[in-house]
Amino acid sequence: MKNIFSKPVEIGRIALFSLQIENDRPSMGLGFYIPDFPDILPKKWEGKGYNTCRMGIDCHGIQDLRVQNISVREVFFVKITKENS
């Protein structure tokens, strides 16, 4: 993210567009949009008309996953934490 944002961006409010759960290993992928738009655009993005930032995160080693009430076209608030083992 430091390549496209000059300042740290807090991930909080997101618009989820994909959720992928792998049932053969404990992993999950989230694809989402954030309200912040990059202020350091790569040359290949210039002039393309982009107006939102699309991101993804992969999570591995998941235990005790619960997914409930995911609505279509809703804005969510997400909190990302890492527990030390």
C-alpha atoms as a PDB file:
ATOM      1  CA  MET A   1       0.000   0.000   0.000  1.00  0.00           C
ATOM      2  CA  LYS A   2       2.925   2.333   0.589  1.00  0.00           C
ATOM      3  CA  ASN A   3       3.498   2.338  -3.184  1.00  0.00           C
ATOM      4  CA  ILE A   4       0.135   3.973  -3.917  1.00  0.00           C
ATOM      5  CA  PHE A   5      -0.604   5.958  -0.728  1.00  0.00           C
ATOM      6  CA  SER A   6       1.709   8.660   0.633  1.00  0.00           C
ATOM      7  CA  LYS A   7       0.212   8.281   4.132  1.00  0.00           C
ATOM      8  CA  PRO A   8      -0.933   5.194   6.073  1.00  0.00           C
ATOM      9  CA  VAL A   9      -4.509   4.185   5.291  1.00  0.00           C
ATOM     10  CA  GLU A  10      -6.648   2.570   7.958  1.00  0.00           C
ATOM     11  CA  ILE A  11      -8.833  -0.235   6.676  1.00  0.00           C
ATOM     12  CA  GLY A  12     -12.203   0.139   8.382  1.00  0.00           C
ATOM     13  CA  ARG A  13     -15.159   0.836   6.110  1.00  0.00           C
ATOM     14  CA  ILE A  14     -15.282  -1.538   3.131  1.00  0.00           C
ATOM     15  CA  ALA A  15     -17.631  -2.631   0.376  1.00  0.00           C
ATOM     16  CA  LEU A  16     -17.189  -6.397   0.056  1.00  0.00           C
ATOM     17  CA  PHE A  17     -17.326  -7.792  -3.491  1.00  0.00           C
ATOM     18  CA  SER A  18     -15.965 -11.314  -2.989  1.00  0.00           C
ATOM     19  CA  LEU A  19     -15.490 -13.905  -0.282  1.00  0.00           C
ATOM     20  CA  GLN A  20     -13.653 -17.127  -1.106  1.00  0.00           C
ATOM     21  CA  ILE A  21     -13.308 -19.988   1.351  1.00  0.00           C
ATOM     22  CA  GLU A  22     -11.056 -22.923   0.516  1.00  0.00           C
ATOM     23  CA  ASN A  23     -12.390 -26.111   2.074  1.00  0.00           C
ATOM     24  CA  ASP A  24      -9.220 -28.146   1.484  1.00  0.00           C
ATOM     25  CA  ARG A  25      -7.076 -25.864   3.671  1.00  0.00           C
ATOM     26  CA  PRO A  26      -7.889 -23.264   6.349  1.00  0.00           C
ATOM     27  CA  SER A  27      -7.818 -20.138   4.198  1.00  0.00           C
ATOM     28  CA  MET A  28     -10.126 -17.362   3.112  1.00  0.00           C
ATOM     29  CA  GLY A  29      -9.855 -14.489   0.645  1.00  0.00           C
ATOM     30  CA  LEU A  30     -11.690 -11.174   0.823  1.00  0.00           C
ATOM     31  CA  GLY A  31     -12.009  -8.728  -2.046  1.00  0.00           C
ATOM     32  CA  PHE A  32     -13.236  -5.256  -1.195  1.00  0.00           C
ATOM     33  CA  TYR A  33     -13.313  -1.562  -2.038  1.00  0.00           C
ATOM     34  CA  ILE A  34     -12.126   1.122   0.374  1.00  0.00           C
ATOM     35  CA  PRO A  35     -13.298   4.755   0.353  1.00  0.00           C
ATOM     36  CA  ASP A  36      -9.734   6.139   0.134  1.00  0.00           C
ATOM     37  CA  PHE A  37      -8.292   6.696  -3.330  1.00  0.00           C
ATOM     38  CA  PRO A  38      -4.539   6.402  -3.978  1.00  0.00           C
ATOM     39  CA  ASP A  39      -2.635   9.666  -4.239  1.00  0.00           C
ATOM     40  CA  ILE A  40       0.379   8.085  -5.972  1.00  0.00           C
ATOM     41  CA  LEU A  41      -1.025   6.588  -9.166  1.00  0.00           C
ATOM     42  CA  PRO A  42       1.127   4.162 -11.151  1.00  0.00           C
ATOM     43  CA  LYS A  43       1.567   5.247 -14.789  1.00  0.00           C
ATOM     44  CA  LYS A  44      -0.538   2.302 -16.004  1.00  0.00           C
ATOM     45  CA  TRP A  45      -3.520   3.604 -13.959  1.00  0.00           C
ATOM     46  CA  GLU A  46      -3.382   7.190 -15.235  1.00  0.00           C
ATOM     47  CA  GLY A  47      -6.151   8.233 -17.594  1.00  0.00           C
ATOM     48  CA  LYS A  48      -8.138   5.027 -17.037  1.00  0.00           C
ATOM     49  CA  GLY A  49     -11.014   6.717 -15.188  1.00  0.00           C
ATOM     50  CA  TYR A  50     -10.586   4.788 -11.944  1.00  0.00           C
ATOM     51  CA  ASN A  51     -12.482   6.321  -9.027  1.00  0.00           C
ATOM     52  CA  THR A  52     -12.180   3.705  -6.273  1.00  0.00           C
ATOM     53  CA  CYS A  53      -9.536   1.494  -4.716  1.00  0.00           C
ATOM     54  CA  ARG A  54     -10.072  -2.250  -4.965  1.00  0.00           C
ATOM     55  CA  MET A  55      -8.071  -4.428  -2.574  1.00  0.00           C
ATOM     56  CA  GLY A  56      -7.801  -8.000  -1.410  1.00  0.00           C
ATOM     57  CA  ILE A  57      -6.507  -9.870   1.585  1.00  0.00           C
ATOM     58  CA  ASP A  58      -5.814 -13.568   2.040  1.00  0.00           C
ATOM     59  CA  CYS A  59      -6.017 -15.142   5.488  1.00  0.00           C
ATOM     60  CA  HIS A  60      -4.385 -18.489   6.248  1.00  0.00           C
ATOM     61  CA  GLY A  61      -4.421 -20.785   9.262  1.00  0.00           C
ATOM     62  CA  ILE A  62      -7.981 -19.842  10.137  1.00  0.00           C
ATOM     63  CA  GLN A  63      -9.617 -21.475  13.139  1.00  0.00           C
ATOM     64  CA  ASP A  64     -13.185 -21.145  14.343  1.00  0.00           C
ATOM     65  CA  LEU A  65     -14.553 -19.184  11.359  1.00  0.00           C
ATOM     66  CA  ARG A  66     -18.107 -17.894  11.485  1.00  0.00           C
ATOM     67  CA  VAL A  67     -19.719 -15.980   8.602  1.00  0.00           C
ATOM     68  CA  GLN A  68     -23.191 -14.561   9.172  1.00  0.00           C
ATOM     69  CA  ASN A  69     -25.632 -12.191   7.498  1.00  0.00           C
ATOM     70  CA  ILE A  70     -23.607 -10.908   4.561  1.00  0.00           C
ATOM     71  CA  SER A  71     -25.883  -8.537   2.669  1.00  0.00           C
ATOM     72  CA  VAL A  72     -25.484  -7.626  -0.969  1.00  0.00           C
ATOM     73  CA  ARG A  73     -24.285  -4.078  -1.745  1.00  0.00           C
ATOM     74  CA  GLU A  74     -23.794  -3.076   1.874  1.00  0.00           C
ATOM     75  CA  VAL A  75     -20.932  -1.165   3.460  1.00  0.00           C
ATOM     76  CA  PHE A  76     -19.242  -3.047   6.277  1.00  0.00           C
ATOM     77  CA  PHE A  77     -16.849  -2.116   9.035  1.00  0.00           C
ATOM     78  CA  VAL A  78     -13.936  -4.497   9.387  1.00  0.00           C
ATOM     79  CA  LYS A  79     -11.359  -4.852  12.120  1.00  0.00           C
ATOM     80  CA  ILE A  80      -8.153  -6.681  11.249  1.00  0.00           C
ATOM     81  CA  THR A  81      -6.175  -8.100  14.136  1.00  0.00           C
ATOM     82  CA  LYS A  82      -3.273 -10.464  14.528  1.00  0.00           C
ATOM     83  CA  GLU A  83      -2.982 -12.672  17.550  1.00  0.00           C
ATOM     84  CA  ASN A  84       0.473 -13.729  18.641  1.00  0.00           C
ATOM     85  CA  SER A  85       0.814 -17.433  19.314  1.00  0.00           C
END
